[in-house]
Amino acid sequence: MVNLEDLKDALVSGQLSGAAIDVFPVEPEKNGAAFSTPLQKLPNVILTPHIGGSTEEAQFNIGLDVSAKMLNYLEKGASFGSHTIPAISIPAVENTHRILHVHANVPGVLSAINTALSQNKINILGQYLKTNEAIGYVVLDVDSELSQEAFALLKEVPHTIKTRLLY
């Protein structure tokens, strides 16, 4: 935090030899909008826009990144780059169906998942768990002949937020 008028005085007087600033109290709201700061035109100041993500190029690249992440989640269950679901990125397993299980991160949920499936003779061919402070994310690969039964059982596990049969 800095008072821009005081910073300008310190720069003009030589008390400070230079400054580089990229966040301002008032940012331009859109492309072409006027930008004004007391530090403009000072030879010992570098000013950069904090809104660099608003350029056409940045927006295009953000669109590509978001699209790729959505496709990875929808097609594989991969959640790398998510801010709400812990990151998992796993390869597809042939001859299985993949079930995604999002749940509250509380003790006993993984045990409940495994118990529900094993009591119903459903073999887990692959299982991947990742958690953060609030959310647990399990990706399960199960025998494709039993996937509908497994899906129904997992929806009933306590603390389940969302269950999805991926493929």
Protein backbone atom coordinates (compact mmCIF):
# COMPACT_ATOMS: atom_id res chain seq x y z
CA MET A 1 0.00 0.00 0.00
CA VAL A 2 1.36 3.36 -0.96
CA ASN A 3 0.06 6.91 -1.20
CA LEU A 4 0.73 7.80 -4.82
CA GLU A 5 1.11 11.55 -4.16
CA ASP A 6 3.70 10.89 -1.42
CA LEU A 7 5.49 8.42 -3.70
CA LYS A 8 5.58 11.03 -6.47
CA ASP A 9 7.08 13.63 -4.07
CA ALA A 10 9.75 11.13 -2.94
CA LEU A 11 10.62 10.30 -6.55
CA VAL A 12 10.76 13.94 -7.70
CA SER A 13 12.91 15.00 -4.71
CA GLY A 14 15.33 12.11 -5.19
CA GLN A 15 14.51 10.51 -1.83
CA LEU A 16 13.65 7.42 -3.92
CA SER A 17 15.55 6.67 -7.11
CA GLY A 18 12.75 4.76 -8.85
CA ALA A 19 9.54 2.80 -8.61
CA ALA A 20 7.66 0.13 -10.57
CA ILE A 21 3.90 -0.09 -10.02
CA ASP A 22 1.28 -2.42 -11.52
CA VAL A 23 -1.73 -2.03 -9.21
CA PHE A 24 -3.58 1.25 -8.92
CA PRO A 25 -6.50 2.50 -6.80
CA VAL A 26 -8.53 3.06 -9.97
CA GLU A 27 -7.95 0.78 -12.98
CA PRO A 28 -9.39 1.41 -16.45
CA GLU A 29 -12.69 -0.45 -16.74
CA LYS A 30 -12.28 -1.45 -20.41
CA ASN A 31 -9.96 -1.18 -23.40
CA GLY A 32 -9.48 2.42 -24.45
CA ALA A 33 -10.63 3.85 -21.12
CA ALA A 34 -8.52 6.71 -19.76
CA PHE A 35 -5.82 5.83 -17.27
CA SER A 36 -4.55 8.43 -14.88
CA THR A 37 -2.03 8.37 -12.04
CA PRO A 38 0.18 11.04 -10.47
CA LEU A 39 3.18 8.89 -11.44
CA GLN A 40 2.68 9.28 -15.19
CA LYS A 41 5.49 10.95 -17.15
CA LEU A 42 8.07 10.54 -14.38
CA PRO A 43 11.31 9.27 -15.95
CA ASN A 44 12.18 7.05 -12.99
CA VAL A 45 8.86 5.14 -12.91
CA ILE A 46 7.69 2.02 -14.69
CA LEU A 47 3.90 1.64 -14.90
CA THR A 48 2.29 -1.61 -16.05
CA PRO A 49 -1.42 -2.44 -16.14
CA HIS A 50 -2.55 -4.95 -13.55
CA ILE A 51 -5.26 -5.95 -16.01
CA GLY A 52 -2.88 -7.70 -18.39
CA GLY A 53 -5.33 -10.62 -18.48
CA SER A 54 -7.82 -8.38 -20.25
CA THR A 55 -5.89 -8.15 -23.50
CA GLU A 56 -7.37 -9.94 -26.52
CA GLU A 57 -4.41 -12.32 -26.58
CA ALA A 58 -4.76 -13.16 -22.89
CA GLN A 59 -8.51 -13.73 -23.20
CA PHE A 60 -7.94 -16.03 -26.20
CA ASN A 61 -5.34 -18.05 -24.26
CA ILE A 62 -7.56 -18.19 -21.17
CA GLY A 63 -10.35 -19.56 -23.37
CA LEU A 64 -8.05 -22.28 -24.72
CA ASP A 65 -6.87 -23.20 -21.23
CA VAL A 66 -10.37 -23.37 -19.74
CA SER A 67 -11.65 -25.40 -22.69
CA ALA A 68 -8.81 -27.91 -22.40
CA LYS A 69 -9.36 -28.28 -18.65
CA MET A 70 -13.10 -28.78 -19.11
CA LEU A 71 -12.54 -31.44 -21.78
CA ASN A 72 -10.03 -33.27 -19.58
CA TYR A 73 -12.53 -33.29 -16.73
CA LEU A 74 -15.46 -34.35 -18.89
CA GLU A 75 -13.57 -37.02 -20.84
CA LYS A 76 -11.11 -38.37 -18.23
CA GLY A 77 -12.14 -37.09 -14.82
CA ALA A 78 -8.88 -35.11 -14.61
CA SER A 79 -9.19 -32.08 -12.35
CA PHE A 80 -5.73 -30.54 -12.75
CA GLY A 81 -5.95 -26.76 -12.43
CA SER A 82 -9.25 -26.70 -10.54
CA HIS A 83 -9.55 -24.34 -7.60
CA THR A 84 -12.37 -26.29 -5.95
CA ILE A 85 -11.61 -29.96 -6.61
CA PRO A 86 -8.21 -31.45 -5.72
CA ALA A 87 -5.99 -32.09 -8.72
CA ILE A 88 -6.03 -35.60 -10.20
CA SER A 89 -4.85 -36.50 -13.67
CA ILE A 90 -4.93 -40.20 -14.53
CA PRO A 91 -4.83 -42.33 -17.66
CA ALA A 92 -7.88 -44.20 -18.95
CA VAL A 93 -8.09 -47.88 -17.97
CA GLU A 94 -9.40 -50.21 -20.66
CA ASN A 95 -12.39 -52.48 -20.07
CA THR A 96 -13.61 -50.49 -17.07
CA HIS A 97 -16.11 -47.81 -16.31
CA ARG A 98 -14.91 -44.75 -14.44
CA ILE A 99 -16.91 -43.24 -11.60
CA LEU A 100 -16.13 -39.81 -10.13
CA HIS A 101 -17.00 -39.24 -6.48
CA VAL A 102 -16.79 -35.80 -4.86
CA HIS A 103 -17.38 -35.70 -1.12
CA ALA A 104 -16.81 -33.66 2.02
CA ASN A 105 -13.30 -34.28 3.31
CA VAL A 106 -14.19 -36.02 6.56
CA PRO A 107 -12.73 -39.19 8.08
CA GLY A 108 -14.32 -42.46 7.00
CA VAL A 109 -15.59 -41.60 3.51
CA LEU A 110 -12.97 -43.65 1.65
CA SER A 111 -13.64 -46.55 4.01
CA ALA A 112 -17.38 -46.25 3.35
CA ILE A 113 -16.77 -46.27 -0.41
CA ASN A 114 -14.60 -49.38 -0.22
CA THR A 115 -16.97 -51.15 2.18
CA ALA A 116 -20.05 -50.46 0.04
CA LEU A 117 -18.36 -51.82 -3.05
CA SER A 118 -16.68 -54.83 -1.43
CA GLN A 119 -19.86 -55.91 0.38
CA ASN A 120 -21.54 -56.03 -3.02
CA LYS A 121 -18.67 -57.96 -4.66
CA ILE A 122 -17.64 -55.04 -6.87
CA ASN A 123 -13.92 -55.11 -7.55
CA ILE A 124 -12.09 -51.78 -7.77
CA LEU A 125 -9.62 -52.00 -10.65
CA GLY A 126 -8.19 -48.53 -10.08
CA GLN A 127 -8.71 -45.96 -7.36
CA TYR A 128 -7.25 -42.47 -7.04
CA LEU A 129 -7.89 -40.13 -4.12
CA LYS A 130 -6.94 -36.51 -3.58
CA THR A 131 -8.21 -34.10 -0.94
CA ASN A 132 -7.97 -30.49 0.07
CA GLU A 133 -9.21 -28.90 3.32
CA ALA A 134 -12.88 -29.20 2.36
CA ILE A 135 -13.27 -31.60 -0.57
CA GLY A 136 -12.26 -35.18 -1.33
CA TYR A 137 -12.18 -36.43 -4.91
CA VAL A 138 -12.04 -40.14 -5.72
CA VAL A 139 -11.82 -41.56 -9.21
CA LEU A 140 -12.72 -45.25 -9.37
CA ASP A 141 -12.32 -47.67 -12.25
CA VAL A 142 -14.66 -50.65 -11.81
CA ASP A 143 -15.75 -53.65 -13.85
CA SER A 144 -18.00 -52.31 -16.59
CA GLU A 145 -20.62 -55.03 -15.95
CA LEU A 146 -21.12 -53.76 -12.39
CA SER A 147 -20.70 -50.02 -12.92
CA GLN A 148 -24.41 -49.10 -12.66
CA GLU A 149 -24.67 -50.93 -9.33
CA ALA A 150 -21.44 -49.31 -8.12
CA PHE A 151 -22.70 -45.89 -9.20
CA ALA A 152 -25.96 -46.33 -7.26
CA LEU A 153 -24.07 -47.46 -4.14
CA LEU A 154 -21.62 -44.54 -4.27
CA LYS A 155 -24.43 -41.99 -4.48
CA GLU A 156 -25.60 -43.23 -1.06
CA VAL A 157 -22.23 -42.93 0.72
CA PRO A 158 -22.53 -40.40 3.58
CA HIS A 159 -21.03 -36.95 2.86
CA THR A 160 -21.32 -37.43 -0.93
CA ILE A 161 -21.54 -34.12 -2.80
CA LYS A 162 -21.64 -35.43 -6.38
CA THR A 163 -21.22 -38.77 -8.11
CA ARG A 164 -20.84 -39.12 -11.85
CA LEU A 165 -20.48 -42.13 -14.13
CA LEU A 166 -17.90 -40.90 -16.61
CA TYR A 167 -17.69 -43.78 -19.09
